[in-house]
Amino acid sequence: MLIKIKNIFCLVSILIFITLTASFYFSDQNIRATNKSRSFYAVKLLHDALKLPLLTNDTDDIIEYRNDVQEFADKRKKRIWEGLIIN
């Protein structure tokens, strides 16, 4: 008997929790607050993006491109079997 009352109490508690949570989640007040928060975040993000300074490009001619593979191939000793495969 006590176990049945305990089970009924747990079931009713879970149903009340789900009902209250769903009613709050789908309420107009919560939807308005969510939309307001999202729009505020979008405006703040745009405002912050406009405040970012534009940096000048100072990386001209920093990287030197070399053809190391070709230099390695030229230095490497040619092997007889490579000539046979090419022909």
PDB file of N, CA and C in Angstrom:
ATOM      1  N   MET A   1       0.828  -1.193   0.000  1.00  0.00           N
ATOM      2  CA  MET A   1       0.000   0.000   0.000  1.00  0.00           C
ATOM      3  C   MET A   1       0.869   1.252   0.000  1.00  0.00           C
ATOM      4  N   LEU A   2       1.891   1.245   0.831  1.00  0.00           N
ATOM      5  CA  LEU A   2       2.775   2.390   0.930  1.00  0.00           C
ATOM      6  C   LEU A   2       3.568   2.582  -0.369  1.00  0.00           C
ATOM      7  N   ILE A   3       3.926   1.474  -1.012  1.00  0.00           N
ATOM      8  CA  ILE A   3       4.670   1.548  -2.266  1.00  0.00           C
ATOM      9  C   ILE A   3       3.793   2.151  -3.356  1.00  0.00           C
ATOM     10  N   LYS A   4       2.499   1.821  -3.389  1.00  0.00           N
ATOM     11  CA  LYS A   4       1.590   2.373  -4.392  1.00  0.00           C
ATOM     12  C   LYS A   4       1.439   3.883  -4.199  1.00  0.00           C
ATOM     13  N   ILE A   5       1.333   4.320  -2.963  1.00  0.00           N
ATOM     14  CA  ILE A   5       1.213   5.761  -2.685  1.00  0.00           C
ATOM     15  C   ILE A   5       2.492   6.476  -3.093  1.00  0.00           C
ATOM     16  N   LYS A   6       3.610   5.849  -2.801  1.00  0.00           N
ATOM     17  CA  LYS A   6       4.904   6.425  -3.174  1.00  0.00           C
ATOM     18  C   LYS A   6       5.021   6.524  -4.701  1.00  0.00           C
ATOM     19  N   ASN A   7       4.626   5.483  -5.419  1.00  0.00           N
ATOM     20  CA  ASN A   7       4.676   5.499  -6.877  1.00  0.00           C
ATOM     21  C   ASN A   7       3.731   6.546  -7.471  1.00  0.00           C
ATOM     22  N   ILE A   8       2.551   6.666  -6.914  1.00  0.00           N
ATOM     23  CA  ILE A   8       1.585   7.662  -7.392  1.00  0.00           C
ATOM     24  C   ILE A   8       2.116   9.063  -7.138  1.00  0.00           C
ATOM     25  N   PHE A   9       2.709   9.279  -5.967  1.00  0.00           N
ATOM     26  CA  PHE A   9       3.285  10.587  -5.654  1.00  0.00           C
ATOM     27  C   PHE A   9       4.406  10.934  -6.633  1.00  0.00           C
ATOM     28  N   CYS A  10       5.271   9.980  -6.937  1.00  0.00           N
ATOM     29  CA  CYS A  10       6.356  10.222  -7.897  1.00  0.00           C
ATOM     30  C   CYS A  10       5.801  10.511  -9.287  1.00  0.00           C
ATOM     31  N   LEU A  11       4.821   9.747  -9.720  1.00  0.00           N
ATOM     32  CA  LEU A  11       4.226   9.949 -11.039  1.00  0.00           C
ATOM     33  C   LEU A  11       3.558  11.319 -11.133  1.00  0.00           C
ATOM     34  N   VAL A  12       2.823  11.709 -10.109  1.00  0.00           N
ATOM     35  CA  VAL A  12       2.161  13.016 -10.097  1.00  0.00           C
ATOM     36  C   VAL A  12       3.193  14.132 -10.069  1.00  0.00           C
ATOM     37  N   SER A  13       4.249  13.955  -9.308  1.00  0.00           N
ATOM     38  CA  SER A  13       5.306  14.971  -9.252  1.00  0.00           C
ATOM     39  C   SER A  13       5.966  15.148 -10.608  1.00  0.00           C
ATOM     40  N   ILE A  14       6.252  14.057 -11.288  1.00  0.00           N
ATOM     41  CA  ILE A  14       6.865  14.136 -12.616  1.00  0.00           C
ATOM     42  C   ILE A  14       5.929  14.800 -13.607  1.00  0.00           C
ATOM     43  N   LEU A  15       4.655  14.450 -13.569  1.00  0.00           N
ATOM     44  CA  LEU A  15       3.685  15.057 -14.489  1.00  0.00           C
ATOM     45  C   LEU A  15       3.528  16.557 -14.223  1.00  0.00           C
ATOM     46  N   ILE A  16       3.499  16.948 -12.967  1.00  0.00           N
ATOM     47  CA  ILE A  16       3.410  18.375 -12.638  1.00  0.00           C
ATOM     48  C   ILE A  16       4.656  19.107 -13.107  1.00  0.00           C
ATOM     49  N   PHE A  17       5.819  18.511 -12.914  1.00  0.00           N
ATOM     50  CA  PHE A  17       7.068  19.131 -13.358  1.00  0.00           C
ATOM     51  C   PHE A  17       7.066  19.321 -14.875  1.00  0.00           C
ATOM     52  N   ILE A  18       6.697  18.298 -15.620  1.00  0.00           N
ATOM     53  CA  ILE A  18       6.673  18.389 -17.087  1.00  0.00           C
ATOM     54  C   ILE A  18       5.652  19.420 -17.543  1.00  0.00           C
ATOM     55  N   THR A  19       4.496  19.456 -16.917  1.00  0.00           N
ATOM     56  CA  THR A  19       3.451  20.414 -17.280  1.00  0.00           C
ATOM     57  C   THR A  19       3.906  21.849 -17.016  1.00  0.00           C
ATOM     58  N   LEU A  20       4.471  22.100 -15.855  1.00  0.00           N
ATOM     59  CA  LEU A  20       4.918  23.460 -15.533  1.00  0.00           C
ATOM     60  C   LEU A  20       6.088  23.892 -16.426  1.00  0.00           C
ATOM     61  N   THR A  21       6.989  22.979 -16.689  1.00  0.00           N
ATOM     62  CA  THR A  21       8.118  23.305 -17.561  1.00  0.00           C
ATOM     63  C   THR A  21       7.646  23.618 -18.971  1.00  0.00           C
ATOM     64  N   ALA A  22       6.757  22.811 -19.506  1.00  0.00           N
ATOM     65  CA  ALA A  22       6.239  23.043 -20.858  1.00  0.00           C
ATOM     66  C   ALA A  22       5.440  24.338 -20.916  1.00  0.00           C
ATOM     67  N   SER A  23       4.633  24.609 -19.906  1.00  0.00           N
ATOM     68  CA  SER A  23       3.829  25.837 -19.930  1.00  0.00           C
ATOM     69  C   SER A  23       4.725  27.075 -19.852  1.00  0.00           C
ATOM     70  N   PHE A  24       5.818  27.011 -19.088  1.00  0.00           N
ATOM     71  CA  PHE A  24       6.737  28.145 -19.041  1.00  0.00           C
ATOM     72  C   PHE A  24       7.486  28.285 -20.365  1.00  0.00           C
ATOM     73  N   TYR A  25       7.940  27.157 -20.923  1.00  0.00           N
ATOM     74  CA  TYR A  25       8.739  27.188 -22.144  1.00  0.00           C
ATOM     75  C   TYR A  25       7.938  27.751 -23.315  1.00  0.00           C
ATOM     76  N   PHE A  26       6.661  27.398 -23.416  1.00  0.00           N
ATOM     77  CA  PHE A  26       5.839  27.848 -24.532  1.00  0.00           C
ATOM     78  C   PHE A  26       5.043  29.112 -24.218  1.00  0.00           C
ATOM     79  N   SER A  27       5.291  29.755 -23.085  1.00  0.00           N
ATOM     80  CA  SER A  27       4.556  30.965 -22.735  1.00  0.00           C
ATOM     81  C   SER A  27       5.019  32.140 -23.594  1.00  0.00           C
ATOM     82  N   ASP A  28       4.130  33.091 -23.792  1.00  0.00           N
ATOM     83  CA  ASP A  28       4.456  34.275 -24.594  1.00  0.00           C
ATOM     84  C   ASP A  28       5.553  35.107 -23.936  1.00  0.00           C
ATOM     85  N   GLN A  29       5.550  35.163 -22.630  1.00  0.00           N
ATOM     86  CA  GLN A  29       6.561  35.936 -21.909  1.00  0.00           C
ATOM     87  C   GLN A  29       7.953  35.358 -22.163  1.00  0.00           C
ATOM     88  N   ASN A  30       8.085  34.054 -22.116  1.00  0.00           N
ATOM     89  CA  ASN A  30       9.384  33.427 -22.358  1.00  0.00           C
ATOM     90  C   ASN A  30       9.798  33.592 -23.816  1.00  0.00           C
ATOM     91  N   ILE A  31       8.879  33.478 -24.747  1.00  0.00           N
ATOM     92  CA  ILE A  31       9.203  33.642 -26.174  1.00  0.00           C
ATOM     93  C   ILE A  31       9.675  35.065 -26.443  1.00  0.00           C
ATOM     94  N   ARG A  32       8.987  36.060 -25.856  1.00  0.00           N
ATOM     95  CA  ARG A  32       9.404  37.455 -26.033  1.00  0.00           C
ATOM     96  C   ARG A  32      10.785  37.695 -25.430  1.00  0.00           C
ATOM     97  N   ALA A  33      11.034  37.149 -24.244  1.00  0.00           N
ATOM     98  CA  ALA A  33      12.332  37.331 -23.593  1.00  0.00           C
ATOM     99  C   ALA A  33      13.449  36.671 -24.406  1.00  0.00           C
ATOM    100  N   THR A  34      13.175  35.520 -24.970  1.00  0.00           N
ATOM    101  CA  THR A  34      14.171  34.832 -25.787  1.00  0.00           C
ATOM    102  C   THR A  34      14.479  35.625 -27.045  1.00  0.00           C
ATOM    103  N   ASN A  35      13.443  36.104 -27.717  1.00  0.00           N
ATOM    104  CA  ASN A  35      13.652  36.892 -28.936  1.00  0.00           C
ATOM    105  C   ASN A  35      14.391  38.195 -28.628  1.00  0.00           C
ATOM    106  N   LYS A  36      14.060  38.817 -27.507  1.00  0.00           N
ATOM    107  CA  LYS A  36      14.731  40.052 -27.112  1.00  0.00           C
ATOM    108  C   LYS A  36      16.207  39.793 -26.837  1.00  0.00           C
ATOM    109  N   SER A  37      16.502  38.714 -26.157  1.00  0.00           N
ATOM    110  CA  SER A  37      17.883  38.359 -25.864  1.00  0.00           C
ATOM    111  C   SER A  37      18.660  38.076 -27.148  1.00  0.00           C
ATOM    112  N   ARG A  38      18.050  37.362 -28.078  1.00  0.00           N
ATOM    113  CA  ARG A  38      18.726  37.049 -29.336  1.00  0.00           C
ATOM    114  C   ARG A  38      18.970  38.297 -30.167  1.00  0.00           C
ATOM    115  N   SER A  39      17.993  39.189 -30.219  1.00  0.00           N
ATOM    116  CA  SER A  39      18.183  40.413 -31.003  1.00  0.00           C
ATOM    117  C   SER A  39      19.223  41.318 -30.340  1.00  0.00           C
ATOM    118  N   PHE A  40      19.246  41.369 -29.012  1.00  0.00           N
ATOM    119  CA  PHE A  40      20.252  42.155 -28.311  1.00  0.00           C
ATOM    120  C   PHE A  40      21.641  41.609 -28.604  1.00  0.00           C
ATOM    121  N   TYR A  41      21.770  40.287 -28.623  1.00  0.00           N
ATOM    122  CA  TYR A  41      23.060  39.674 -28.909  1.00  0.00           C
ATOM    123  C   TYR A  41      23.502  39.987 -30.334  1.00  0.00           C
ATOM    124  N   ALA A  42      22.570  39.963 -31.291  1.00  0.00           N
ATOM    125  CA  ALA A  42      22.918  40.259 -32.683  1.00  0.00           C
ATOM    126  C   ALA A  42      23.365  41.711 -32.832  1.00  0.00           C
ATOM    127  N   VAL A  43      22.675  42.624 -32.165  1.00  0.00           N
ATOM    128  CA  VAL A  43      23.038  44.040 -32.237  1.00  0.00           C
ATOM    129  C   VAL A  43      24.396  44.266 -31.568  1.00  0.00           C
ATOM    130  N   LYS A  44      24.610  43.631 -30.425  1.00  0.00           N
ATOM    131  CA  LYS A  44      25.884  43.783 -29.720  1.00  0.00           C
ATOM    132  C   LYS A  44      27.028  43.217 -30.559  1.00  0.00           C
ATOM    133  N   LEU A  45      26.804  42.104 -31.209  1.00  0.00           N
ATOM    134  CA  LEU A  45      27.828  41.503 -32.051  1.00  0.00           C
ATOM    135  C   LEU A  45      28.159  42.408 -33.236  1.00  0.00           C
ATOM    136  N   LEU A  46      27.153  43.000 -33.850  1.00  0.00           N
ATOM    137  CA  LEU A  46      27.382  43.919 -34.956  1.00  0.00           C
ATOM    138  C   LEU A  46      28.132  45.159 -34.480  1.00  0.00           C
ATOM    139  N   HIS A  47      27.746  45.686 -33.329  1.00  0.00           N
ATOM    140  CA  HIS A  47      28.400  46.860 -32.773  1.00  0.00           C
ATOM    141  C   HIS A  47      29.870  46.566 -32.469  1.00  0.00           C
ATOM    142  N   ASP A  48      30.132  45.404 -31.882  1.00  0.00           N
ATOM    143  CA  ASP A  48      31.514  45.029 -31.577  1.00  0.00           C
ATOM    144  C   ASP A  48      32.324  44.802 -32.843  1.00  0.00           C
ATOM    145  N   ALA A  49      31.705  44.268 -33.874  1.00  0.00           N
ATOM    146  CA  ALA A  49      32.414  44.038 -35.131  1.00  0.00           C
ATOM    147  C   ALA A  49      32.777  45.361 -35.794  1.00  0.00           C
ATOM    148  N   LEU A  50      31.932  46.359 -35.649  1.00  0.00           N
ATOM    149  CA  LEU A  50      32.226  47.668 -36.241  1.00  0.00           C
ATOM    150  C   LEU A  50      33.316  48.402 -35.472  1.00  0.00           C
ATOM    151  N   LYS A  51      33.487  48.091 -34.196  1.00  0.00           N
ATOM    152  CA  LYS A  51      34.520  48.746 -33.395  1.00  0.00           C
ATOM    153  C   LYS A  51      35.906  48.159 -33.599  1.00  0.00           C
ATOM    154  N   LEU A  52      36.010  47.007 -34.260  1.00  0.00           N
ATOM    155  CA  LEU A  52      37.315  46.384 -34.447  1.00  0.00           C
ATOM    156  C   LEU A  52      38.188  47.245 -35.351  1.00  0.00           C
ATOM    157  N   PRO A  53      39.432  47.437 -35.001  1.00  0.00           N
ATOM    158  CA  PRO A  53      40.315  48.229 -35.848  1.00  0.00           C
ATOM    159  C   PRO A  53      40.750  47.423 -37.072  1.00  0.00           C
ATOM    160  N   LEU A  54      40.954  48.120 -38.175  1.00  0.00           N
ATOM    161  CA  LEU A  54      41.414  47.484 -39.397  1.00  0.00           C
ATOM    162  C   LEU A  54      42.928  47.579 -39.440  1.00  0.00           C
ATOM    163  N   LEU A  55      43.581  46.455 -39.439  1.00  0.00           N
ATOM    164  CA  LEU A  55      45.035  46.425 -39.414  1.00  0.00           C
ATOM    165  C   LEU A  55      45.587  46.455 -40.833  1.00  0.00           C
ATOM    166  N   THR A  56      46.706  47.132 -40.994  1.00  0.00           N
ATOM    167  CA  THR A  56      47.333  47.183 -42.305  1.00  0.00           C
ATOM    168  C   THR A  56      48.169  45.935 -42.522  1.00  0.00           C
ATOM    169  N   ASN A  57      48.362  45.585 -43.768  1.00  0.00           N
ATOM    170  CA  ASN A  57      49.121  44.396 -44.120  1.00  0.00           C
ATOM    171  C   ASN A  57      50.606  44.744 -44.141  1.00  0.00           C
ATOM    172  N   ASP A  58      51.363  44.168 -43.240  1.00  0.00           N
ATOM    173  CA  ASP A  58      52.797  44.425 -43.197  1.00  0.00           C
ATOM    174  C   ASP A  58      53.588  43.140 -43.437  1.00  0.00           C
ATOM    175  N   THR A  59      53.026  42.205 -44.154  1.00  0.00           N
ATOM    176  CA  THR A  59      53.683  40.924 -44.382  1.00  0.00           C
ATOM    177  C   THR A  59      54.141  40.756 -45.826  1.00  0.00           C
ATOM    178  N   ASP A  60      54.383  41.840 -46.537  1.00  0.00           N
ATOM    179  CA  ASP A  60      54.839  41.738 -47.916  1.00  0.00           C
ATOM    180  C   ASP A  60      56.262  41.195 -47.948  1.00  0.00           C
ATOM    181  N   ASP A  61      56.501  40.264 -48.817  1.00  0.00           N
ATOM    182  CA  ASP A  61      57.813  39.653 -49.053  1.00  0.00           C
ATOM    183  C   ASP A  61      58.437  39.061 -47.783  1.00  0.00           C
ATOM    184  N   ILE A  62      57.652  38.535 -46.914  1.00  0.00           N
ATOM    185  CA  ILE A  62      58.158  37.893 -45.707  1.00  0.00           C
ATOM    186  C   ILE A  62      58.540  36.440 -46.009  1.00  0.00           C
ATOM    187  N   ILE A  63      57.743  35.781 -46.809  1.00  0.00           N
ATOM    188  CA  ILE A  63      57.968  34.373 -47.102  1.00  0.00           C
ATOM    189  C   ILE A  63      58.750  34.255 -48.397  1.00  0.00           C
ATOM    190  N   GLU A  64      59.825  33.506 -48.348  1.00  0.00           N
ATOM    191  CA  GLU A  64      60.600  33.242 -49.552  1.00  0.00           C
ATOM    192  C   GLU A  64      60.247  31.837 -50.026  1.00  0.00           C
ATOM    193  N   TYR A  65      59.755  31.742 -51.237  1.00  0.00           N
ATOM    194  CA  TYR A  65      59.386  30.452 -51.783  1.00  0.00           C
ATOM    195  C   TYR A  65      60.592  29.864 -52.509  1.00  0.00           C
ATOM    196  N   ARG A  66      60.930  28.643 -52.141  1.00  0.00           N
ATOM    197  CA  ARG A  66      62.071  27.970 -52.752  1.00  0.00           C
ATOM    198  C   ARG A  66      61.595  26.661 -53.347  1.00  0.00           C
ATOM    199  N   ASN A  67      62.326  26.218 -54.325  1.00  0.00           N
ATOM    200  CA  ASN A  67      61.988  24.965 -54.968  1.00  0.00           C
ATOM    201  C   ASN A  67      62.940  23.887 -54.467  1.00  0.00           C
ATOM    202  N   ASP A  68      62.792  23.477 -53.228  1.00  0.00           N
ATOM    203  CA  ASP A  68      63.671  22.498 -52.610  1.00  0.00           C
ATOM    204  C   ASP A  68      63.552  21.128 -53.254  1.00  0.00           C
ATOM    205  N   VAL A  69      62.370  20.792 -53.724  1.00  0.00           N
ATOM    206  CA  VAL A  69      62.191  19.476 -54.320  1.00  0.00           C
ATOM    207  C   VAL A  69      63.021  19.365 -55.589  1.00  0.00           C
ATOM    208  N   GLN A  70      62.988  20.399 -56.403  1.00  0.00           N
ATOM    209  CA  GLN A  70      63.768  20.369 -57.646  1.00  0.00           C
ATOM    210  C   GLN A  70      65.265  20.363 -57.352  1.00  0.00           C
ATOM    211  N   GLU A  71      65.693  21.117 -56.360  1.00  0.00           N
ATOM    212  CA  GLU A  71      67.102  21.113 -55.990  1.00  0.00           C
ATOM    213  C   GLU A  71      67.543  19.740 -55.495  1.00  0.00           C
ATOM    214  N   PHE A  72      66.716  19.083 -54.730  1.00  0.00           N
ATOM    215  CA  PHE A  72      67.016  17.742 -54.238  1.00  0.00           C
ATOM    216  C   PHE A  72      67.097  16.751 -55.393  1.00  0.00           C
ATOM    217  N   ALA A  73      66.161  16.868 -56.334  1.00  0.00           N
ATOM    218  CA  ALA A  73      66.162  15.954 -57.477  1.00  0.00           C
ATOM    219  C   ALA A  73      67.395  16.168 -58.345  1.00  0.00           C
ATOM    220  N   ASP A  74      67.846  17.400 -58.474  1.00  0.00           N
ATOM    221  CA  ASP A  74      69.040  17.664 -59.275  1.00  0.00           C
ATOM    222  C   ASP A  74      70.309  17.141 -58.594  1.00  0.00           C
ATOM    223  N   LYS A  75      70.403  17.219 -57.285  1.00  0.00           N
ATOM    224  CA  LYS A  75      71.582  16.770 -56.560  1.00  0.00           C
ATOM    225  C   LYS A  75      71.642  15.248 -56.431  1.00  0.00           C
ATOM    226  N   ARG A  76      70.505  14.610 -56.460  1.00  0.00           N
ATOM    227  CA  ARG A  76      70.437  13.177 -56.203  1.00  0.00           C
ATOM    228  C   ARG A  76      71.089  12.386 -57.327  1.00  0.00           C
ATOM    229  N   LYS A  77      71.731  11.321 -56.974  1.00  0.00           N
ATOM    230  CA  LYS A  77      72.397  10.464 -57.944  1.00  0.00           C
ATOM    231  C   LYS A  77      71.343   9.681 -58.731  1.00  0.00           C
ATOM    232  N   LYS A  78      71.466   9.694 -60.028  1.00  0.00           N
ATOM    233  CA  LYS A  78      70.525   8.960 -60.871  1.00  0.00           C
ATOM    234  C   LYS A  78      70.841   7.470 -60.796  1.00  0.00           C
ATOM    235  N   ARG A  79      69.805   6.666 -60.763  1.00  0.00           N
ATOM    236  CA  ARG A  79      69.971   5.231 -60.675  1.00  0.00           C
ATOM    237  C   ARG A  79      69.626   4.580 -62.007  1.00  0.00           C
ATOM    238  N   ILE A  80      70.179   3.461 -62.249  1.00  0.00           N
ATOM    239  CA  ILE A  80      70.016   2.793 -63.535  1.00  0.00           C
ATOM    240  C   ILE A  80      68.572   2.348 -63.738  1.00  0.00           C
ATOM    241  N   TRP A  81      67.948   1.815 -62.723  1.00  0.00           N
ATOM    242  CA  TRP A  81      66.604   1.278 -62.890  1.00  0.00           C
ATOM    243  C   TRP A  81      65.575   2.380 -63.143  1.00  0.00           C
ATOM    244  N   GLU A  82      65.829   3.608 -62.714  1.00  0.00           N
ATOM    245  CA  GLU A  82      64.908   4.704 -62.994  1.00  0.00           C
ATOM    246  C   GLU A  82      64.861   4.991 -64.486  1.00  0.00           C
ATOM    247  N   GLY A  83      66.008   4.907 -65.142  1.00  0.00           N
ATOM    248  CA  GLY A  83      66.056   5.099 -66.586  1.00  0.00           C
ATOM    249  C   GLY A  83      65.287   4.016 -67.316  1.00  0.00           C
ATOM    250  N   LEU A  84      65.329   2.802 -66.805  1.00  0.00           N
ATOM    251  CA  LEU A  84      64.613   1.698 -67.431  1.00  0.00           C
ATOM    252  C   LEU A  84      63.092   1.862 -67.284  1.00  0.00           C
ATOM    253  N   ILE A  85      62.660   2.390 -66.141  1.00  0.00           N
ATOM    254  CA  ILE A  85      61.214   2.576 -65.922  1.00  0.00           C
ATOM    255  C   ILE A  85      60.693   3.700 -66.831  1.00  0.00           C
ATOM    256  N   ILE A  86      61.448   4.757 -66.978  1.00  0.00           N
ATOM    257  CA  ILE A  86      61.007   5.894 -67.800  1.00  0.00           C
ATOM    258  C   ILE A  86      60.892   5.464 -69.265  1.00  0.00           C
ATOM    259  N   ASN A  87      61.819   4.669 -69.748  1.00  0.00           N
ATOM    260  CA  ASN A  87      61.785   4.227 -71.147  1.00  0.00           C
ATOM    261  C   ASN A  87      60.780   3.128 -71.258  1.00  0.00           C
TER     262      ASN A  87
END
